[in-house]
Amino acid sequence: MSNTTDYYRRNYLYSSHRLFIPESKQKAVNTCGDCRFYITIIGREERKMGCAALIPKYFAMEKKIPAEIDISDFLKEIGKVGLQNAVTCCGEYLNACGLFQPKI
């Protein structure tokens, strides 16, 4: 019986036949690169892409989301750990998260 379980676990064709709930289709189809919150964070030596949805004033749409943000402003809002999370959680070609909103 365990051979059958291993067969389905390792069979990539079988694992690609997954069902999607209609509400999650938008998240599965879109990528972080298409998201409104995916912005450039400008540091002293380099630029990195990150998620601005972690900053409350941008997520609540109190302020317009800029295309680029300085790292000092980002650190003031959410701190060092938040900055790490914002940079590592998303990528241009990764599936969108639950905070996805399309660019206008």
PDB file of N, CA and C in Angstrom:
ATOM      1  N   MET A   1       0.811  -1.193   0.000  1.00  0.00           N
ATOM      2  CA  MET A   1       0.000   0.000   0.000  1.00  0.00           C
ATOM      3  C   MET A   1       0.860   1.266   0.000  1.00  0.00           C
ATOM      4  N   SER A   2       1.998   1.216   0.654  1.00  0.00           N
ATOM      5  CA  SER A   2       2.852   2.400   0.692  1.00  0.00           C
ATOM      6  C   SER A   2       3.447   2.702  -0.689  1.00  0.00           C
ATOM      7  N   ASN A   3       3.582   1.690  -1.531  1.00  0.00           N
ATOM      8  CA  ASN A   3       4.074   1.931  -2.880  1.00  0.00           C
ATOM      9  C   ASN A   3       3.113   2.821  -3.656  1.00  0.00           C
ATOM     10  N   THR A   4       1.831   2.652  -3.439  1.00  0.00           N
ATOM     11  CA  THR A   4       0.836   3.484  -4.107  1.00  0.00           C
ATOM     12  C   THR A   4       0.949   4.931  -3.640  1.00  0.00           C
ATOM     13  N   THR A   5       1.131   5.135  -2.365  1.00  0.00           N
ATOM     14  CA  THR A   5       1.281   6.484  -1.819  1.00  0.00           C
ATOM     15  C   THR A   5       2.528   7.154  -2.386  1.00  0.00           C
ATOM     16  N   ASP A   6       3.629   6.451  -2.448  1.00  0.00           N
ATOM     17  CA  ASP A   6       4.853   7.001  -3.028  1.00  0.00           C
ATOM     18  C   ASP A   6       4.671   7.314  -4.503  1.00  0.00           C
ATOM     19  N   TYR A   7       3.934   6.466  -5.199  1.00  0.00           N
ATOM     20  CA  TYR A   7       3.704   6.686  -6.624  1.00  0.00           C
ATOM     21  C   TYR A   7       3.006   8.025  -6.847  1.00  0.00           C
ATOM     22  N   TYR A   8       1.958   8.291  -6.091  1.00  0.00           N
ATOM     23  CA  TYR A   8       1.220   9.538  -6.272  1.00  0.00           C
ATOM     24  C   TYR A   8       2.013  10.745  -5.767  1.00  0.00           C
ATOM     25  N   ARG A   9       2.824  10.567  -4.766  1.00  0.00           N
ATOM     26  CA  ARG A   9       3.622  11.664  -4.244  1.00  0.00           C
ATOM     27  C   ARG A   9       4.698  12.070  -5.247  1.00  0.00           C
ATOM     28  N   ARG A  10       5.279  11.127  -5.943  1.00  0.00           N
ATOM     29  CA  ARG A  10       6.384  11.414  -6.875  1.00  0.00           C
ATOM     30  C   ARG A  10       5.923  11.647  -8.309  1.00  0.00           C
ATOM     31  N   ASN A  11       4.669  11.366  -8.604  1.00  0.00           N
ATOM     32  CA  ASN A  11       4.164  11.507  -9.960  1.00  0.00           C
ATOM     33  C   ASN A  11       3.805  12.974 -10.214  1.00  0.00           C
ATOM     34  N   TYR A  12       4.607  13.661 -11.026  1.00  0.00           N
ATOM     35  CA  TYR A  12       4.410  15.081 -11.259  1.00  0.00           C
ATOM     36  C   TYR A  12       3.186  15.363 -12.119  1.00  0.00           C
ATOM     37  N   LEU A  13       2.839  14.458 -13.005  1.00  0.00           N
ATOM     38  CA  LEU A  13       1.636  14.662 -13.809  1.00  0.00           C
ATOM     39  C   LEU A  13       0.390  14.616 -12.927  1.00  0.00           C
ATOM     40  N   TYR A  14       0.365  13.693 -11.986  1.00  0.00           N
ATOM     41  CA  TYR A  14      -0.774  13.590 -11.082  1.00  0.00           C
ATOM     42  C   TYR A  14      -0.853  14.811 -10.170  1.00  0.00           C
ATOM     43  N   SER A  15       0.273  15.295  -9.708  1.00  0.00           N
ATOM     44  CA  SER A  15       0.267  16.429  -8.782  1.00  0.00           C
ATOM     45  C   SER A  15      -0.115  17.729  -9.476  1.00  0.00           C
ATOM     46  N   SER A  16      -0.022  17.798 -10.796  1.00  0.00           N
ATOM     47  CA  SER A  16      -0.393  19.025 -11.500  1.00  0.00           C
ATOM     48  C   SER A  16      -1.893  19.142 -11.701  1.00  0.00           C
ATOM     49  N   HIS A  17      -2.648  18.088 -11.436  1.00  0.00           N
ATOM     50  CA  HIS A  17      -4.106  18.125 -11.571  1.00  0.00           C
ATOM     51  C   HIS A  17      -4.719  18.516 -10.232  1.00  0.00           C
ATOM     52  N   ARG A  18      -4.657  19.771  -9.936  1.00  0.00           N
ATOM     53  CA  ARG A  18      -5.197  20.261  -8.674  1.00  0.00           C
ATOM     54  C   ARG A  18      -6.420  21.110  -8.955  1.00  0.00           C
ATOM     55  N   LEU A  19      -7.329  21.129  -8.039  1.00  0.00           N
ATOM     56  CA  LEU A  19      -8.520  21.941  -8.175  1.00  0.00           C
ATOM     57  C   LEU A  19      -8.310  23.284  -7.489  1.00  0.00           C
ATOM     58  N   PHE A  20      -8.822  24.335  -8.095  1.00  0.00           N
ATOM     59  CA  PHE A  20      -8.728  25.657  -7.513  1.00  0.00           C
ATOM     60  C   PHE A  20     -10.112  26.141  -7.109  1.00  0.00           C
ATOM     61  N   ILE A  21     -10.200  26.716  -5.955  1.00  0.00           N
ATOM     62  CA  ILE A  21     -11.434  27.367  -5.536  1.00  0.00           C
ATOM     63  C   ILE A  21     -11.547  28.633  -6.366  1.00  0.00           C
ATOM     64  N   PRO A  22     -12.743  28.982  -6.852  1.00  0.00           N
ATOM     65  CA  PRO A  22     -12.872  30.148  -7.739  1.00  0.00           C
ATOM     66  C   PRO A  22     -12.285  31.442  -7.171  1.00  0.00           C
ATOM     67  N   GLU A  23     -12.374  31.644  -5.863  1.00  0.00           N
ATOM     68  CA  GLU A  23     -11.852  32.866  -5.268  1.00  0.00           C
ATOM     69  C   GLU A  23     -10.320  32.919  -5.326  1.00  0.00           C
ATOM     70  N   SER A  24      -9.668  31.771  -5.340  1.00  0.00           N
ATOM     71  CA  SER A  24      -8.206  31.750  -5.332  1.00  0.00           C
ATOM     72  C   SER A  24      -7.609  31.793  -6.733  1.00  0.00           C
ATOM     73  N   LYS A  25      -8.452  31.841  -7.760  1.00  0.00           N
ATOM     74  CA  LYS A  25      -7.936  31.859  -9.129  1.00  0.00           C
ATOM     75  C   LYS A  25      -7.084  33.101  -9.374  1.00  0.00           C
ATOM     76  N   GLN A  26      -7.526  34.243  -8.870  1.00  0.00           N
ATOM     77  CA  GLN A  26      -6.778  35.480  -9.079  1.00  0.00           C
ATOM     78  C   GLN A  26      -5.387  35.383  -8.475  1.00  0.00           C
ATOM     79  N   LYS A  27      -5.267  34.759  -7.314  1.00  0.00           N
ATOM     80  CA  LYS A  27      -3.970  34.628  -6.670  1.00  0.00           C
ATOM     81  C   LYS A  27      -3.079  33.645  -7.412  1.00  0.00           C
ATOM     82  N   ALA A  28      -3.671  32.590  -7.976  1.00  0.00           N
ATOM     83  CA  ALA A  28      -2.890  31.569  -8.656  1.00  0.00           C
ATOM     84  C   ALA A  28      -2.439  32.025 -10.039  1.00  0.00           C
ATOM     85  N   VAL A  29      -3.200  32.874 -10.679  1.00  0.00           N
ATOM     86  CA  VAL A  29      -2.893  33.314 -12.038  1.00  0.00           C
ATOM     87  C   VAL A  29      -1.886  34.453 -12.039  1.00  0.00           C
ATOM     88  N   ASN A  30      -2.006  35.365 -11.082  1.00  0.00           N
ATOM     89  CA  ASN A  30      -1.174  36.567 -11.069  1.00  0.00           C
ATOM     90  C   ASN A  30       0.136  36.354 -10.314  1.00  0.00           C
ATOM     91  N   THR A  31       1.089  37.223 -10.623  1.00  0.00           N
ATOM     92  CA  THR A  31       2.397  37.165  -9.966  1.00  0.00           C
ATOM     93  C   THR A  31       2.645  38.450  -9.186  1.00  0.00           C
ATOM     94  N   CYS A  32       3.654  38.419  -8.347  1.00  0.00           N
ATOM     95  CA  CYS A  32       4.002  39.606  -7.555  1.00  0.00           C
ATOM     96  C   CYS A  32       4.384  40.784  -8.446  1.00  0.00           C
ATOM     97  N   GLY A  33       4.957  40.517  -9.599  1.00  0.00           N
ATOM     98  CA  GLY A  33       5.355  41.584 -10.507  1.00  0.00           C
ATOM     99  C   GLY A  33       4.179  42.392 -11.026  1.00  0.00           C
ATOM    100  N   ASP A  34       2.974  41.813 -10.999  1.00  0.00           N
ATOM    101  CA  ASP A  34       1.767  42.504 -11.454  1.00  0.00           C
ATOM    102  C   ASP A  34       1.037  43.211 -10.326  1.00  0.00           C
ATOM    103  N   CYS A  35       1.568  43.135  -9.123  1.00  0.00           N
ATOM    104  CA  CYS A  35       0.884  43.658  -7.945  1.00  0.00           C
ATOM    105  C   CYS A  35       1.181  45.140  -7.741  1.00  0.00           C
ATOM    106  N   ARG A  36       0.211  45.848  -7.228  1.00  0.00           N
ATOM    107  CA  ARG A  36       0.342  47.268  -6.935  1.00  0.00           C
ATOM    108  C   ARG A  36       1.357  47.533  -5.828  1.00  0.00           C
ATOM    109  N   PHE A  37       1.500  46.588  -4.915  1.00  0.00           N
ATOM    110  CA  PHE A  37       2.384  46.770  -3.766  1.00  0.00           C
ATOM    111  C   PHE A  37       3.845  46.390  -4.046  1.00  0.00           C
ATOM    112  N   TYR A  38       4.163  45.867  -5.215  1.00  0.00           N
ATOM    113  CA  TYR A  38       5.517  45.435  -5.555  1.00  0.00           C
ATOM    114  C   TYR A  38       6.312  46.654  -6.007  1.00  0.00           C
ATOM    115  N   ILE A  39       7.193  47.165  -5.137  1.00  0.00           N
ATOM    116  CA  ILE A  39       7.902  48.411  -5.414  1.00  0.00           C
ATOM    117  C   ILE A  39       9.410  48.228  -5.271  1.00  0.00           C
ATOM    118  N   THR A  40      10.149  49.239  -5.704  1.00  0.00           N
ATOM    119  CA  THR A  40      11.601  49.247  -5.585  1.00  0.00           C
ATOM    120  C   THR A  40      11.998  49.928  -4.280  1.00  0.00           C
ATOM    121  N   ILE A  41      12.830  49.253  -3.508  1.00  0.00           N
ATOM    122  CA  ILE A  41      13.351  49.815  -2.267  1.00  0.00           C
ATOM    123  C   ILE A  41      14.795  50.230  -2.540  1.00  0.00           C
ATOM    124  N   ILE A  42      15.078  51.524  -2.385  1.00  0.00           N
ATOM    125  CA  ILE A  42      16.388  52.073  -2.733  1.00  0.00           C
ATOM    126  C   ILE A  42      17.257  52.171  -1.490  1.00  0.00           C
ATOM    127  N   GLY A  43      18.367  51.452  -1.506  1.00  0.00           N
ATOM    128  CA  GLY A  43      19.338  51.506  -0.416  1.00  0.00           C
ATOM    129  C   GLY A  43      20.533  52.351  -0.799  1.00  0.00           C
ATOM    130  N   ARG A  44      21.554  52.320   0.040  1.00  0.00           N
ATOM    131  CA  ARG A  44      22.763  53.089  -0.237  1.00  0.00           C
ATOM    132  C   ARG A  44      23.524  52.526  -1.426  1.00  0.00           C
ATOM    133  N   GLU A  45      23.637  51.212  -1.492  1.00  0.00           N
ATOM    134  CA  GLU A  45      24.455  50.589  -2.524  1.00  0.00           C
ATOM    135  C   GLU A  45      23.667  49.814  -3.571  1.00  0.00           C
ATOM    136  N   GLU A  46      22.453  49.398  -3.251  1.00  0.00           N
ATOM    137  CA  GLU A  46      21.701  48.598  -4.211  1.00  0.00           C
ATOM    138  C   GLU A  46      20.206  48.869  -4.118  1.00  0.00           C
ATOM    139  N   ARG A  47      19.504  48.382  -5.124  1.00  0.00           N
ATOM    140  CA  ARG A  47      18.055  48.485  -5.179  1.00  0.00           C
ATOM    141  C   ARG A  47      17.481  47.077  -5.154  1.00  0.00           C
ATOM    142  N   LYS A  48      16.429  46.889  -4.370  1.00  0.00           N
ATOM    143  CA  LYS A  48      15.769  45.592  -4.309  1.00  0.00           C
ATOM    144  C   LYS A  48      14.281  45.800  -4.426  1.00  0.00           C
ATOM    145  N   MET A  49      13.617  44.791  -4.954  1.00  0.00           N
ATOM    146  CA  MET A  49      12.168  44.827  -5.060  1.00  0.00           C
ATOM    147  C   MET A  49      11.575  44.258  -3.776  1.00  0.00           C
ATOM    148  N   GLY A  50      10.471  44.827  -3.346  1.00  0.00           N
ATOM    149  CA  GLY A  50       9.843  44.365  -2.115  1.00  0.00           C
ATOM    150  C   GLY A  50       8.355  44.658  -2.100  1.00  0.00           C
ATOM    151  N   CYS A  51       7.706  44.207  -1.050  1.00  0.00           N
ATOM    152  CA  CYS A  51       6.260  44.332  -0.907  1.00  0.00           C
ATOM    153  C   CYS A  51       5.924  45.481   0.042  1.00  0.00           C
ATOM    154  N   ALA A  52       5.183  46.462  -0.457  1.00  0.00           N
ATOM    155  CA  ALA A  52       4.795  47.608   0.357  1.00  0.00           C
ATOM    156  C   ALA A  52       3.506  47.350   1.120  1.00  0.00           C
ATOM    157  N   ALA A  53       2.892  46.202   0.933  1.00  0.00           N
ATOM    158  CA  ALA A  53       1.638  45.884   1.633  1.00  0.00           C
ATOM    159  C   ALA A  53       1.862  45.710   3.123  1.00  0.00           C
ATOM    160  N   LEU A  54       3.104  45.521   3.538  1.00  0.00           N
ATOM    161  CA  LEU A  54       3.404  45.367   4.952  1.00  0.00           C
ATOM    162  C   LEU A  54       3.379  46.697   5.705  1.00  0.00           C
ATOM    163  N   ILE A  55       3.413  47.808   4.975  1.00  0.00           N
ATOM    164  CA  ILE A  55       3.311  49.130   5.587  1.00  0.00           C
ATOM    165  C   ILE A  55       1.827  49.482   5.690  1.00  0.00           C
ATOM    166  N   PRO A  56       1.333  49.693   6.897  1.00  0.00           N
ATOM    167  CA  PRO A  56      -0.111  49.892   7.093  1.00  0.00           C
ATOM    168  C   PRO A  56      -0.725  51.048   6.304  1.00  0.00           C
ATOM    169  N   LYS A  57      -0.011  52.177   6.185  1.00  0.00           N
ATOM    170  CA  LYS A  57      -0.613  53.324   5.489  1.00  0.00           C
ATOM    171  C   LYS A  57      -0.755  53.083   3.985  1.00  0.00           C
ATOM    172  N   TYR A  58       0.099  52.247   3.403  1.00  0.00           N
ATOM    173  CA  TYR A  58      -0.047  51.912   1.989  1.00  0.00           C
ATOM    174  C   TYR A  58      -1.099  50.825   1.789  1.00  0.00           C
ATOM    175  N   PHE A  59      -1.164  49.871   2.706  1.00  0.00           N
ATOM    176  CA  PHE A  59      -2.151  48.798   2.581  1.00  0.00           C
ATOM    177  C   PHE A  59      -3.569  49.333   2.762  1.00  0.00           C
ATOM    178  N   ALA A  60      -3.744  50.303   3.649  1.00  0.00           N
ATOM    179  CA  ALA A  60      -5.066  50.898   3.890  1.00  0.00           C
ATOM    180  C   ALA A  60      -5.406  51.956   2.842  1.00  0.00           C
ATOM    181  N   MET A  61      -4.502  52.210   1.911  1.00  0.00           N
ATOM    182  CA  MET A  61      -4.668  53.198   0.844  1.00  0.00           C
ATOM    183  C   MET A  61      -4.838  54.622   1.379  1.00  0.00           C
ATOM    184  N   GLU A  62      -4.214  54.898   2.525  1.00  0.00           N
ATOM    185  CA  GLU A  62      -4.239  56.252   3.067  1.00  0.00           C
ATOM    186  C   GLU A  62      -3.324  57.164   2.254  1.00  0.00           C
ATOM    187  N   LYS A  63      -2.227  56.618   1.753  1.00  0.00           N
ATOM    188  CA  LYS A  63      -1.289  57.363   0.918  1.00  0.00           C
ATOM    189  C   LYS A  63      -1.111  56.626  -0.399  1.00  0.00           C
ATOM    190  N   LYS A  64      -0.764  57.387  -1.426  1.00  0.00           N
ATOM    191  CA  LYS A  64      -0.499  56.792  -2.728  1.00  0.00           C
ATOM    192  C   LYS A  64       0.763  55.936  -2.645  1.00  0.00           C
ATOM    193  N   ILE A  65       0.741  54.781  -3.282  1.00  0.00           N
ATOM    194  CA  ILE A  65       1.883  53.870  -3.255  1.00  0.00           C
ATOM    195  C   ILE A  65       2.898  54.347  -4.292  1.00  0.00           C
ATOM    196  N   PRO A  66       4.117  54.696  -3.854  1.00  0.00           N
ATOM    197  CA  PRO A  66       5.129  55.168  -4.799  1.00  0.00           C
ATOM    198  C   PRO A  66       5.739  54.006  -5.589  1.00  0.00           C
ATOM    199  N   ALA A  67       6.352  54.324  -6.713  1.00  0.00           N
ATOM    200  CA  ALA A  67       7.049  53.298  -7.491  1.00  0.00           C
ATOM    201  C   ALA A  67       8.361  52.924  -6.818  1.00  0.00           C
ATOM    202  N   GLU A  68       8.974  53.899  -6.131  1.00  0.00           N
ATOM    203  CA  GLU A  68      10.225  53.680  -5.409  1.00  0.00           C
ATOM    204  C   GLU A  68      10.109  54.295  -4.022  1.00  0.00           C
ATOM    205  N   ILE A  69      10.772  53.664  -3.065  1.00  0.00           N
ATOM    206  CA  ILE A  69      10.763  54.192  -1.695  1.00  0.00           C
ATOM    207  C   ILE A  69      12.178  54.074  -1.129  1.00  0.00           C
ATOM    208  N   ASP A  70      12.568  55.076  -0.367  1.00  0.00           N
ATOM    209  CA  ASP A  70      13.888  55.072   0.250  1.00  0.00           C
ATOM    210  C   ASP A  70      13.891  54.108   1.438  1.00  0.00           C
ATOM    211  N   ILE A  71      14.998  53.459   1.645  1.00  0.00           N
ATOM    212  CA  ILE A  71      15.096  52.448   2.698  1.00  0.00           C
ATOM    213  C   ILE A  71      14.894  53.056   4.089  1.00  0.00           C
ATOM    214  N   SER A  72      15.283  54.307   4.281  1.00  0.00           N
ATOM    215  CA  SER A  72      15.114  54.929   5.603  1.00  0.00           C
ATOM    216  C   SER A  72      13.635  55.087   5.951  1.00  0.00           C
ATOM    217  N   ASP A  73      12.817  55.436   4.964  1.00  0.00           N
ATOM    218  CA  ASP A  73      11.377  55.545   5.197  1.00  0.00           C
ATOM    219  C   ASP A  73      10.779  54.174   5.508  1.00  0.00           C
ATOM    220  N   PHE A  74      11.258  53.177   4.803  1.00  0.00           N
ATOM    221  CA  PHE A  74      10.770  51.807   5.005  1.00  0.00           C
ATOM    222  C   PHE A  74      11.128  51.324   6.412  1.00  0.00           C
ATOM    223  N   LEU A  75      12.355  51.601   6.844  1.00  0.00           N
ATOM    224  CA  LEU A  75      12.794  51.188   8.179  1.00  0.00           C
ATOM    225  C   LEU A  75      12.029  51.908   9.288  1.00  0.00           C
ATOM    226  N   LYS A  76      11.687  53.180   9.082  1.00  0.00           N
ATOM    227  CA  LYS A  76      10.921  53.930  10.073  1.00  0.00           C
ATOM    228  C   LYS A  76       9.537  53.317  10.277  1.00  0.00           C
ATOM    229  N   GLU A  77       8.953  52.852   9.194  1.00  0.00           N
ATOM    230  CA  GLU A  77       7.587  52.331   9.261  1.00  0.00           C
ATOM    231  C   GLU A  77       7.507  50.936   9.877  1.00  0.00           C
ATOM    232  N   ILE A  78       8.333  50.000   9.391  1.00  0.00           N
ATOM    233  CA  ILE A  78       8.162  48.605   9.837  1.00  0.00           C
ATOM    234  C   ILE A  78       9.404  47.969  10.444  1.00  0.00           C
ATOM    235  N   GLY A  79      10.518  48.653  10.474  1.00  0.00           N
ATOM    236  CA  GLY A  79      11.704  48.127  11.137  1.00  0.00           C
ATOM    237  C   GLY A  79      12.522  47.159  10.299  1.00  0.00           C
ATOM    238  N   LYS A  80      13.585  46.664  10.918  1.00  0.00           N
ATOM    239  CA  LYS A  80      14.555  45.807  10.231  1.00  0.00           C
ATOM    240  C   LYS A  80      13.962  44.452   9.850  1.00  0.00           C
ATOM    241  N   VAL A  81      13.227  43.835  10.774  1.00  0.00           N
ATOM    242  CA  VAL A  81      12.630  42.518  10.502  1.00  0.00           C
ATOM    243  C   VAL A  81      11.560  42.635   9.418  1.00  0.00           C
ATOM    244  N   GLY A  82      10.784  43.708   9.462  1.00  0.00           N
ATOM    245  CA  GLY A  82       9.768  43.937   8.436  1.00  0.00           C
ATOM    246  C   GLY A  82      10.383  44.138   7.061  1.00  0.00           C
ATOM    247  N   LEU A  83      11.519  44.831   7.022  1.00  0.00           N
ATOM    248  CA  LEU A  83      12.230  45.032   5.761  1.00  0.00           C
ATOM    249  C   LEU A  83      12.701  43.707   5.197  1.00  0.00           C
ATOM    250  N   GLN A  84      13.248  42.855   6.063  1.00  0.00           N
ATOM    251  CA  GLN A  84      13.684  41.522   5.620  1.00  0.00           C
ATOM    252  C   GLN A  84      12.513  40.725   5.060  1.00  0.00           C
ATOM    253  N   ASN A  85      11.388  40.753   5.739  1.00  0.00           N
ATOM    254  CA  ASN A  85      10.198  40.036   5.271  1.00  0.00           C
ATOM    255  C   ASN A  85       9.694  40.585   3.947  1.00  0.00           C
ATOM    256  N   ALA A  86       9.723  41.902   3.799  1.00  0.00           N
ATOM    257  CA  ALA A  86       9.228  42.534   2.573  1.00  0.00           C
ATOM    258  C   ALA A  86      10.073  42.156   1.365  1.00  0.00           C
ATOM    259  N   VAL A  87      11.364  42.008   1.557  1.00  0.00           N
ATOM    260  CA  VAL A  87      12.256  41.698   0.436  1.00  0.00           C
ATOM    261  C   VAL A  87      12.252  40.206   0.109  1.00  0.00           C
ATOM    262  N   THR A  88      12.141  39.349   1.124  1.00  0.00           N
ATOM    263  CA  THR A  88      12.233  37.909   0.879  1.00  0.00           C
ATOM    264  C   THR A  88      10.903  37.248   0.541  1.00  0.00           C
ATOM    265  N   CYS A  89       9.791  37.874   0.877  1.00  0.00           N
ATOM    266  CA  CYS A  89       8.500  37.198   0.698  1.00  0.00           C
ATOM    267  C   CYS A  89       8.024  37.175  -0.744  1.00  0.00           C
ATOM    268  N   CYS A  90       8.528  38.047  -1.570  1.00  0.00           N
ATOM    269  CA  CYS A  90       7.979  38.128  -2.920  1.00  0.00           C
ATOM    270  C   CYS A  90       9.095  38.151  -3.958  1.00  0.00           C
ATOM    271  N   GLY A  91       8.704  37.821  -5.158  1.00  0.00           N
ATOM    272  CA  GLY A  91       9.596  37.855  -6.300  1.00  0.00           C
ATOM    273  C   GLY A  91       8.776  38.172  -7.529  1.00  0.00           C
ATOM    274  N   GLU A  92       9.409  38.685  -8.553  1.00  0.00           N
ATOM    275  CA  GLU A  92       8.663  39.140  -9.720  1.00  0.00           C
ATOM    276  C   GLU A  92       7.833  38.039 -10.362  1.00  0.00           C
ATOM    277  N   TYR A  93       8.330  36.804 -10.350  1.00  0.00           N
ATOM    278  CA  TYR A  93       7.625  35.721 -11.030  1.00  0.00           C
ATOM    279  C   TYR A  93       6.986  34.725 -10.078  1.00  0.00           C
ATOM    280  N   LEU A  94       6.971  35.010  -8.779  1.00  0.00           N
ATOM    281  CA  LEU A  94       6.318  34.125  -7.816  1.00  0.00           C
ATOM    282  C   LEU A  94       4.817  34.370  -7.812  1.00  0.00           C
ATOM    283  N   ASN A  95       4.050  33.366  -7.399  1.00  0.00           N
ATOM    284  CA  ASN A  95       2.606  33.529  -7.297  1.00  0.00           C
ATOM    285  C   ASN A  95       2.272  34.612  -6.288  1.00  0.00           C
ATOM    286  N   ALA A  96       1.217  35.337  -6.574  1.00  0.00           N
ATOM    287  CA  ALA A  96       0.800  36.425  -5.702  1.00  0.00           C
ATOM    288  C   ALA A  96       0.292  35.892  -4.369  1.00  0.00           C
ATOM    289  N   CYS A  97       0.405  36.728  -3.359  1.00  0.00           N
ATOM    290  CA  CYS A  97      -0.063  36.336  -2.017  1.00  0.00           C
ATOM    291  C   CYS A  97      -1.511  36.786  -1.831  1.00  0.00           C
ATOM    292  N   GLY A  98      -2.003  36.653  -0.640  1.00  0.00           N
ATOM    293  CA  GLY A  98      -3.378  37.030  -0.341  1.00  0.00           C
ATOM    294  C   GLY A  98      -3.621  38.522  -0.340  1.00  0.00           C
ATOM    295  N   LEU A  99      -2.573  39.330  -0.340  1.00  0.00           N
ATOM    296  CA  LEU A  99      -2.703  40.782  -0.345  1.00  0.00           C
ATOM    297  C   LEU A  99      -2.685  41.373  -1.750  1.00  0.00           C
ATOM    298  N   PHE A 100      -2.748  40.541  -2.773  1.00  0.00           N
ATOM    299  CA  PHE A 100      -2.603  40.974  -4.164  1.00  0.00           C
ATOM    300  C   PHE A 100      -3.709  41.954  -4.561  1.00  0.00           C
ATOM    301  N   GLN A 101      -3.283  43.044  -5.213  1.00  0.00           N
ATOM    302  CA  GLN A 101      -4.194  43.980  -5.866  1.00  0.00           C
ATOM    303  C   GLN A 101      -3.543  44.371  -7.176  1.00  0.00           C
ATOM    304  N   PRO A 102      -4.268  44.274  -8.295  1.00  0.00           N
ATOM    305  CA  PRO A 102      -3.661  44.568  -9.602  1.00  0.00           C
ATOM    306  C   PRO A 102      -3.250  46.018  -9.736  1.00  0.00           C
ATOM    307  N   LYS A 103      -2.227  46.257 -10.552  1.00  0.00           N
ATOM    308  CA  LYS A 103      -1.779  47.632 -10.820  1.00  0.00           C
ATOM    309  C   LYS A 103      -2.854  48.361 -11.618  1.00  0.00           C
ATOM    310  N   ILE A 104      -2.933  49.642 -11.352  1.00  0.00           N
ATOM    311  CA  ILE A 104      -3.939  50.443 -12.065  1.00  0.00           C
ATOM    312  C   ILE A 104      -3.314  51.022 -13.312  1.00  0.00           C
TER     313      ILE A 104
END
